[in-house]
Protein backbone atom coordinates (compact mmCIF):
# COMPACT_ATOMS: atom_id res chain seq x y z
CA LYS A 1 22.92 1.00 -14.00
CA TYR A 2 24.91 3.35 -11.77
CA HIS A 3 26.44 6.45 -13.29
CA SER A 4 28.94 8.61 -11.47
CA GLU A 5 27.68 11.79 -13.10
CA SER A 6 25.37 13.85 -10.92
CA LYS A 7 21.72 14.21 -11.80
CA GLY A 8 20.28 17.59 -12.58
CA PRO A 9 17.68 19.23 -10.36
CA ASP A 10 14.90 18.27 -12.79
CA GLN A 11 15.82 14.59 -12.60
CA VAL A 12 16.00 14.74 -8.82
CA ALA A 13 12.60 16.44 -8.64
CA GLU A 14 11.12 13.87 -11.03
CA THR A 15 12.54 11.01 -9.00
CA GLN A 16 11.18 12.53 -5.78
CA ALA A 17 7.75 12.92 -7.39
CA GLN A 18 7.81 9.25 -8.39
CA ILE A 19 8.80 8.25 -4.86
CA ASP A 20 5.99 10.35 -3.40
CA GLU A 21 3.49 8.78 -5.81
CA LEU A 22 4.66 5.28 -4.90
CA LYS A 23 4.40 6.09 -1.18
CA GLY A 24 0.80 7.16 -1.71
CA ILE A 25 0.01 3.96 -3.60
CA MET A 26 1.60 1.84 -0.88
CA VAL A 27 -0.32 3.63 1.89
CA ARG A 28 -3.58 3.03 0.00
CA ASN A 29 -2.67 -0.64 -0.49
CA ILE A 30 -1.94 -1.04 3.23
CA ASP A 31 -5.31 0.53 4.05
CA LEU A 32 -7.06 -1.84 1.63
CA VAL A 33 -5.33 -4.86 3.16
CA ALA A 34 -6.36 -3.72 6.65
CA GLN A 35 -9.97 -3.27 5.50
CA ARG A 36 -9.93 -6.70 3.89
CA GLY A 37 -8.64 -8.20 7.13
CA GLU A 38 -11.48 -6.58 9.05
CA LYS A 39 -14.03 -7.94 6.58
CA LEU A 40 -12.53 -11.42 6.84
CA GLU A 41 -12.75 -11.26 10.63
CA LEU A 42 -16.43 -10.30 10.41
CA LEU A 43 -17.06 -13.16 8.00
CA ILE A 44 -15.32 -15.60 10.33
CA ASP A 45 -17.41 -14.36 13.27
CA LYS A 46 -20.64 -14.75 11.27
CA THR A 47 -19.62 -18.23 10.17
CA GLU A 48 -18.86 -19.26 13.75
CA ASN A 49 -22.25 -17.89 14.84
CA LEU A 50 -23.98 -19.96 12.15
CA VAL A 51 -22.11 -23.09 13.22
CA ASP A 52 -23.07 -22.49 16.86
CA SER A 53 -26.79 -22.05 16.08
């Protein structure tokens, strides 16, 4: 819900802290997805090697 009254400095700081925390979580999640993709690529390569042998 939008309120026209301005937020105090404490609320702004708290909101910024929450945003920073969420950014950190999202960066970690992106790293984990990238690592998972690399592992899947390795698994695909190993599977193809088994099929070829």
